[in-house]
């Protein structure tokens, strides 16, 4: 589902915890979640950077979410 473009975005950038020196960034995974508080409605945008390393592709884990 695509969330409306007119809603403001609150961006979080996540890095893998076990990133080794010499890894090369190869892209990002973007997860958008509809969020609200009593004052605002917004889209929480979680950007997880992807890296190529000797073991394959390394990407940060998503934070825990109330609904997977």
PDB file of N, CA and C in Angstrom:
ATOM      1  N   UNK A   1       0.845  -1.182   0.000  1.00  0.00           N
ATOM      2  CA  UNK A   1       0.000   0.000   0.000  1.00  0.00           C
ATOM      3  C   UNK A   1       0.888   1.244   0.000  1.00  0.00           C
ATOM      4  N   UNK A   2       0.591   2.180  -0.863  1.00  0.00           N
ATOM      5  CA  UNK A   2       1.338   3.434  -0.917  1.00  0.00           C
ATOM      6  C   UNK A   2       0.617   4.455  -0.037  1.00  0.00           C
ATOM      7  N   UNK A   3       1.372   5.072   0.855  1.00  0.00           N
ATOM      8  CA  UNK A   3       0.790   6.085   1.738  1.00  0.00           C
ATOM      9  C   UNK A   3       0.766   7.434   1.023  1.00  0.00           C
ATOM     10  N   UNK A   4      -0.218   8.295   1.317  1.00  0.00           N
ATOM     11  CA  UNK A   4      -0.358   9.565   0.615  1.00  0.00           C
ATOM     12  C   UNK A   4       0.911  10.428   0.683  1.00  0.00           C
ATOM     13  N   UNK A   5       1.303  10.985  -0.449  1.00  0.00           N
ATOM     14  CA  UNK A   5       2.522  11.789  -0.549  1.00  0.00           C
ATOM     15  C   UNK A   5       2.402  13.110   0.200  1.00  0.00           C
ATOM     16  N   UNK A   6       1.180  13.597   0.422  1.00  0.00           N
ATOM     17  CA  UNK A   6       1.020  14.902   1.073  1.00  0.00           C
ATOM     18  C   UNK A   6       1.263  14.847   2.588  1.00  0.00           C
ATOM     19  N   UNK A   7       1.270  13.653   3.170  1.00  0.00           N
ATOM     20  CA  UNK A   7       1.523  13.552   4.610  1.00  0.00           C
ATOM     21  C   UNK A   7       3.012  13.784   4.904  1.00  0.00           C
ATOM     22  N   UNK A   8       3.318  14.496   5.983  1.00  0.00           N
ATOM     23  CA  UNK A   8       4.729  14.711   6.318  1.00  0.00           C
ATOM     24  C   UNK A   8       5.403  13.390   6.675  1.00  0.00           C
ATOM     25  N   UNK A   9       6.709  13.314   6.413  1.00  0.00           N
ATOM     26  CA  UNK A   9       7.508  12.132   6.726  1.00  0.00           C
ATOM     27  C   UNK A   9       8.446  12.437   7.886  1.00  0.00           C
ATOM     28  N   UNK A  10       8.555  11.517   8.819  1.00  0.00           N
ATOM     29  CA  UNK A  10       9.554  11.575   9.892  1.00  0.00           C
ATOM     30  C   UNK A  10      10.500  10.426   9.583  1.00  0.00           C
ATOM     31  N   UNK A  11      11.749  10.741   9.250  1.00  0.00           N
ATOM     32  CA  UNK A  11      12.702   9.757   8.757  1.00  0.00           C
ATOM     33  C   UNK A  11      13.645   9.280   9.848  1.00  0.00           C
ATOM     34  N   UNK A  12      13.864   7.967   9.895  1.00  0.00           N
ATOM     35  CA  UNK A  12      14.856   7.339  10.771  1.00  0.00           C
ATOM     36  C   UNK A  12      15.819   6.577   9.872  1.00  0.00           C
ATOM     37  N   UNK A  13      17.115   6.762  10.057  1.00  0.00           N
ATOM     38  CA  UNK A  13      18.100   6.027   9.271  1.00  0.00           C
ATOM     39  C   UNK A  13      18.745   4.985  10.173  1.00  0.00           C
ATOM     40  N   UNK A  14      18.686   3.734   9.755  1.00  0.00           N
ATOM     41  CA  UNK A  14      19.209   2.615  10.531  1.00  0.00           C
ATOM     42  C   UNK A  14      20.461   2.067   9.855  1.00  0.00           C
ATOM     43  N   UNK A  15      21.506   1.833  10.642  1.00  0.00           N
ATOM     44  CA  UNK A  15      22.738   1.212  10.165  1.00  0.00           C
ATOM     45  C   UNK A  15      22.857  -0.175  10.785  1.00  0.00           C
ATOM     46  N   UNK A  16      23.389  -1.159  10.046  1.00  0.00           N
ATOM     47  CA  UNK A  16      23.613  -2.475  10.652  1.00  0.00           C
ATOM     48  C   UNK A  16      24.601  -2.363  11.810  1.00  0.00           C
ATOM     49  N   UNK A  17      24.357  -3.091  12.880  1.00  0.00           N
ATOM     50  CA  UNK A  17      25.228  -3.022  14.047  1.00  0.00           C
ATOM     51  C   UNK A  17      26.570  -3.700  13.809  1.00  0.00           C
ATOM     52  N   UNK A  18      26.598  -4.736  12.979  1.00  0.00           N
ATOM     53  CA  UNK A  18      27.824  -5.499  12.788  1.00  0.00           C
ATOM     54  C   UNK A  18      28.502  -5.209  11.450  1.00  0.00           C
ATOM     55  N   UNK A  19      28.412  -3.965  10.973  1.00  0.00           N
ATOM     56  CA  UNK A  19      29.035  -3.576   9.707  1.00  0.00           C
ATOM     57  C   UNK A  19      30.555  -3.585   9.862  1.00  0.00           C
ATOM     58  N   UNK A  20      31.236  -4.290   8.971  1.00  0.00           N
ATOM     59  CA  UNK A  20      32.686  -4.389   9.021  1.00  0.00           C
ATOM     60  C   UNK A  20      33.315  -3.283   8.179  1.00  0.00           C
ATOM     61  N   UNK A  21      34.573  -2.904   8.483  1.00  0.00           N
ATOM     62  CA  UNK A  21      35.274  -1.937   7.645  1.00  0.00           C
ATOM     63  C   UNK A  21      35.411  -2.499   6.227  1.00  0.00           C
ATOM     64  N   UNK A  22      35.316  -1.644   5.247  1.00  0.00           N
ATOM     65  CA  UNK A  22      35.467  -2.053   3.853  1.00  0.00           C
ATOM     66  C   UNK A  22      34.184  -2.470   3.172  1.00  0.00           C
ATOM     67  N   UNK A  23      33.051  -2.464   3.894  1.00  0.00           N
ATOM     68  CA  UNK A  23      31.791  -2.799   3.239  1.00  0.00           C
ATOM     69  C   UNK A  23      31.374  -1.651   2.326  1.00  0.00           C
ATOM     70  N   UNK A  24      30.657  -1.973   1.274  1.00  0.00           N
ATOM     71  CA  UNK A  24      30.252  -0.967   0.292  1.00  0.00           C
ATOM     72  C   UNK A  24      28.737  -0.842   0.305  1.00  0.00           C
ATOM     73  N   UNK A  25      28.245   0.399   0.442  1.00  0.00           N
ATOM     74  CA  UNK A  25      26.801   0.639   0.427  1.00  0.00           C
ATOM     75  C   UNK A  25      26.262   0.352  -0.971  1.00  0.00           C
ATOM     76  N   UNK A  26      25.195  -0.465  -1.045  1.00  0.00           N
ATOM     77  CA  UNK A  26      24.632  -0.837  -2.343  1.00  0.00           C
ATOM     78  C   UNK A  26      23.176  -0.413  -2.504  1.00  0.00           C
ATOM     79  N   UNK A  27      22.617   0.228  -1.501  1.00  0.00           N
ATOM     80  CA  UNK A  27      21.223   0.671  -1.614  1.00  0.00           C
ATOM     81  C   UNK A  27      20.585   0.832  -0.255  1.00  0.00           C
ATOM     82  N   UNK A  28      19.263   0.976  -0.261  1.00  0.00           N
ATOM     83  CA  UNK A  28      18.495   1.134   0.969  1.00  0.00           C
ATOM     84  C   UNK A  28      17.180   0.364   0.845  1.00  0.00           C
ATOM     85  N   UNK A  29      16.613  -0.007   1.968  1.00  0.00           N
ATOM     86  CA  UNK A  29      15.255  -0.537   2.063  1.00  0.00           C
ATOM     87  C   UNK A  29      14.450   0.509   2.822  1.00  0.00           C
ATOM     88  N   UNK A  30      13.329   0.946   2.272  1.00  0.00           N
ATOM     89  CA  UNK A  30      12.504   1.961   2.924  1.00  0.00           C
ATOM     90  C   UNK A  30      11.176   1.325   3.340  1.00  0.00           C
ATOM     91  N   UNK A  31      10.859   1.447   4.622  1.00  0.00           N
ATOM     92  CA  UNK A  31       9.604   0.960   5.173  1.00  0.00           C
ATOM     93  C   UNK A  31       8.816   2.174   5.650  1.00  0.00           C
ATOM     94  N   UNK A  32       7.575   2.317   5.184  1.00  0.00           N
ATOM     95  CA  UNK A  32       6.741   3.440   5.607  1.00  0.00           C
ATOM     96  C   UNK A  32       5.581   2.919   6.440  1.00  0.00           C
ATOM     97  N   UNK A  33       5.344   3.569   7.572  1.00  0.00           N
ATOM     98  CA  UNK A  33       4.311   3.161   8.515  1.00  0.00           C
ATOM     99  C   UNK A  33       3.439   4.368   8.834  1.00  0.00           C
ATOM    100  N   UNK A  34       2.141   4.196   8.748  1.00  0.00           N
ATOM    101  CA  UNK A  34       1.205   5.261   9.105  1.00  0.00           C
ATOM    102  C   UNK A  34       1.220   5.417  10.619  1.00  0.00           C
ATOM    103  N   UNK A  35       1.482   6.621  11.113  1.00  0.00           N
ATOM    104  CA  UNK A  35       1.556   6.901  12.548  1.00  0.00           C
ATOM    105  C   UNK A  35       0.671   8.101  12.876  1.00  0.00           C
ATOM    106  N   UNK A  36       0.283   8.206  14.112  1.00  0.00           N
ATOM    107  CA  UNK A  36      -0.441   9.386  14.563  1.00  0.00           C
ATOM    108  C   UNK A  36      -0.216   9.577  16.051  1.00  0.00           C
ATOM    109  N   UNK A  37      -0.376  10.812  16.480  1.00  0.00           N
ATOM    110  CA  UNK A  37      -0.451  11.134  17.895  1.00  0.00           C
ATOM    111  C   UNK A  37      -1.631  12.088  18.021  1.00  0.00           C
ATOM    112  N   UNK A  38      -2.043  12.506  19.203  1.00  0.00           N
ATOM    113  CA  UNK A  38      -3.253  13.334  19.308  1.00  0.00           C
ATOM    114  C   UNK A  38      -3.205  14.636  18.502  1.00  0.00           C
ATOM    115  N   UNK A  39      -2.024  15.078  18.110  1.00  0.00           N
ATOM    116  CA  UNK A  39      -1.906  16.351  17.402  1.00  0.00           C
ATOM    117  C   UNK A  39      -1.632  16.179  15.907  1.00  0.00           C
ATOM    118  N   UNK A  40      -0.885  15.156  15.519  1.00  0.00           N
ATOM    119  CA  UNK A  40      -0.419  15.019  14.136  1.00  0.00           C
ATOM    120  C   UNK A  40      -0.711  13.634  13.573  1.00  0.00           C
ATOM    121  N   UNK A  41      -0.862  13.612  12.262  1.00  0.00           N
ATOM    122  CA  UNK A  41      -0.849  12.365  11.497  1.00  0.00           C
ATOM    123  C   UNK A  41       0.338  12.471  10.569  1.00  0.00           C
ATOM    124  N   UNK A  42       1.178  11.429  10.532  1.00  0.00           N
ATOM    125  CA  UNK A  42       2.389  11.484   9.722  1.00  0.00           C
ATOM    126  C   UNK A  42       2.793  10.080   9.299  1.00  0.00           C
ATOM    127  N   UNK A  43       3.785  10.014   8.436  1.00  0.00           N
ATOM    128  CA  UNK A  43       4.329   8.741   7.986  1.00  0.00           C
ATOM    129  C   UNK A  43       5.707   8.584   8.602  1.00  0.00           C
ATOM    130  N   UNK A  44       5.903   7.496   9.321  1.00  0.00           N
ATOM    131  CA  UNK A  44       7.217   7.166   9.876  1.00  0.00           C
ATOM    132  C   UNK A  44       7.960   6.400   8.796  1.00  0.00           C
ATOM    133  N   UNK A  45       9.058   6.962   8.328  1.00  0.00           N
ATOM    134  CA  UNK A  45       9.832   6.368   7.249  1.00  0.00           C
ATOM    135  C   UNK A  45      11.134   5.823   7.830  1.00  0.00           C
ATOM    136  N   UNK A  46      11.310   4.512   7.754  1.00  0.00           N
ATOM    137  CA  UNK A  46      12.504   3.866   8.282  1.00  0.00           C
ATOM    138  C   UNK A  46      13.387   3.484   7.093  1.00  0.00           C
ATOM    139  N   UNK A  47      14.562   4.091   7.013  1.00  0.00           N
ATOM    140  CA  UNK A  47      15.494   3.824   5.920  1.00  0.00           C
ATOM    141  C   UNK A  47      16.613   2.951   6.462  1.00  0.00           C
ATOM    142  N   UNK A  48      16.731   1.744   5.910  1.00  0.00           N
ATOM    143  CA  UNK A  48      17.776   0.811   6.328  1.00  0.00           C
ATOM    144  C   UNK A  48      18.793   0.698   5.203  1.00  0.00           C
ATOM    145  N   UNK A  49      20.009   1.107   5.464  1.00  0.00           N
ATOM    146  CA  UNK A  49      21.054   1.063   4.446  1.00  0.00           C
ATOM    147  C   UNK A  49      21.529  -0.376   4.240  1.00  0.00           C
ATOM    148  N   UNK A  50      21.785  -0.718   2.965  1.00  0.00           N
ATOM    149  CA  UNK A  50      22.261  -2.054   2.620  1.00  0.00           C
ATOM    150  C   UNK A  50      23.722  -1.961   2.197  1.00  0.00           C
ATOM    151  N   UNK A  51      24.508  -2.957   2.605  1.00  0.00           N
ATOM    152  CA  UNK A  51      25.931  -2.996   2.292  1.00  0.00           C
ATOM    153  C   UNK A  51      26.310  -4.368   1.750  1.00  0.00           C
ATOM    154  N   UNK A  52      27.244  -4.384   0.803  1.00  0.00           N
ATOM    155  CA  UNK A  52      27.827  -5.628   0.309  1.00  0.00           C
ATOM    156  C   UNK A  52      29.039  -5.938   1.175  1.00  0.00           C
ATOM    157  N   UNK A  53      29.152  -7.189   1.600  1.00  0.00           N
ATOM    158  CA  UNK A  53      30.309  -7.601   2.391  1.00  0.00           C
ATOM    159  C   UNK A  53      30.673  -9.023   1.986  1.00  0.00           C
ATOM    160  N   UNK A  54      31.699  -9.574   2.606  1.00  0.00           N
ATOM    161  CA  UNK A  54      32.167 -10.919   2.251  1.00  0.00           C
ATOM    162  C   UNK A  54      31.094 -11.983   2.440  1.00  0.00           C
ATOM    163  N   UNK A  55      30.218 -11.826   3.411  1.00  0.00           N
ATOM    164  CA  UNK A  55      29.181 -12.812   3.694  1.00  0.00           C
ATOM    165  C   UNK A  55      27.936 -12.638   2.823  1.00  0.00           C
ATOM    166  N   UNK A  56      27.854 -11.601   2.033  1.00  0.00           N
ATOM    167  CA  UNK A  56      26.686 -11.333   1.193  1.00  0.00           C
ATOM    168  C   UNK A  56      26.210  -9.911   1.397  1.00  0.00           C
ATOM    169  N   UNK A  57      24.919  -9.729   1.627  1.00  0.00           N
ATOM    170  CA  UNK A  57      24.334  -8.407   1.828  1.00  0.00           C
ATOM    171  C   UNK A  57      24.017  -8.234   3.310  1.00  0.00           C
ATOM    172  N   UNK A  58      24.386  -7.085   3.845  1.00  0.00           N
ATOM    173  CA  UNK A  58      24.164  -6.761   5.249  1.00  0.00           C
ATOM    174  C   UNK A  58      23.191  -5.598   5.318  1.00  0.00           C
ATOM    175  N   UNK A  59      22.131  -5.751   6.122  1.00  0.00           N
ATOM    176  CA  UNK A  59      21.123  -4.702   6.264  1.00  0.00           C
ATOM    177  C   UNK A  59      20.696  -4.626   7.732  1.00  0.00           C
ATOM    178  N   UNK A  60      20.395  -3.425   8.192  1.00  0.00           N
ATOM    179  CA  UNK A  60      19.963  -3.240   9.577  1.00  0.00           C
ATOM    180  C   UNK A  60      18.602  -3.896   9.803  1.00  0.00           C
ATOM    181  N   UNK A  61      18.379  -4.386  11.013  1.00  0.00           N
ATOM    182  CA  UNK A  61      17.079  -4.963  11.379  1.00  0.00           C
ATOM    183  C   UNK A  61      16.067  -3.840  11.558  1.00  0.00           C
ATOM    184  N   UNK A  62      14.802  -4.145  11.288  1.00  0.00           N
ATOM    185  CA  UNK A  62      13.727  -3.202  11.583  1.00  0.00           C
ATOM    186  C   UNK A  62      13.554  -3.123  13.099  1.00  0.00           C
ATOM    187  N   UNK A  63      13.223  -1.936  13.626  1.00  0.00           N
ATOM    188  CA  UNK A  63      12.893  -1.890  15.044  1.00  0.00           C
ATOM    189  C   UNK A  63      11.603  -2.679  15.286  1.00  0.00           C
ATOM    190  N   UNK A  64      11.351  -3.039  16.531  1.00  0.00           N
ATOM    191  CA  UNK A  64      10.116  -3.767  16.805  1.00  0.00           C
ATOM    192  C   UNK A  64       8.910  -2.872  16.503  1.00  0.00           C
ATOM    193  N   UNK A  65       7.912  -3.457  15.872  1.00  0.00           N
ATOM    194  CA  UNK A  65       6.723  -2.734  15.458  1.00  0.00           C
ATOM    195  C   UNK A  65       5.501  -3.372  16.118  1.00  0.00           C
ATOM    196  N   UNK A  66       4.484  -2.578  16.455  1.00  0.00           N
ATOM    197  CA  UNK A  66       3.301  -3.162  17.087  1.00  0.00           C
ATOM    198  C   UNK A  66       2.576  -4.146  16.196  1.00  0.00           C
ATOM    199  N   UNK A  67       2.585  -3.915  14.884  1.00  0.00           N
ATOM    200  CA  UNK A  67       1.977  -4.831  13.912  1.00  0.00           C
ATOM    201  C   UNK A  67       3.048  -5.138  12.887  1.00  0.00           C
ATOM    202  N   UNK A  68       3.489  -6.397  12.787  1.00  0.00           N
ATOM    203  CA  UNK A  68       4.552  -6.745  11.830  1.00  0.00           C
ATOM    204  C   UNK A  68       4.135  -6.521  10.390  1.00  0.00           C
TER     205      UNK A  68
END
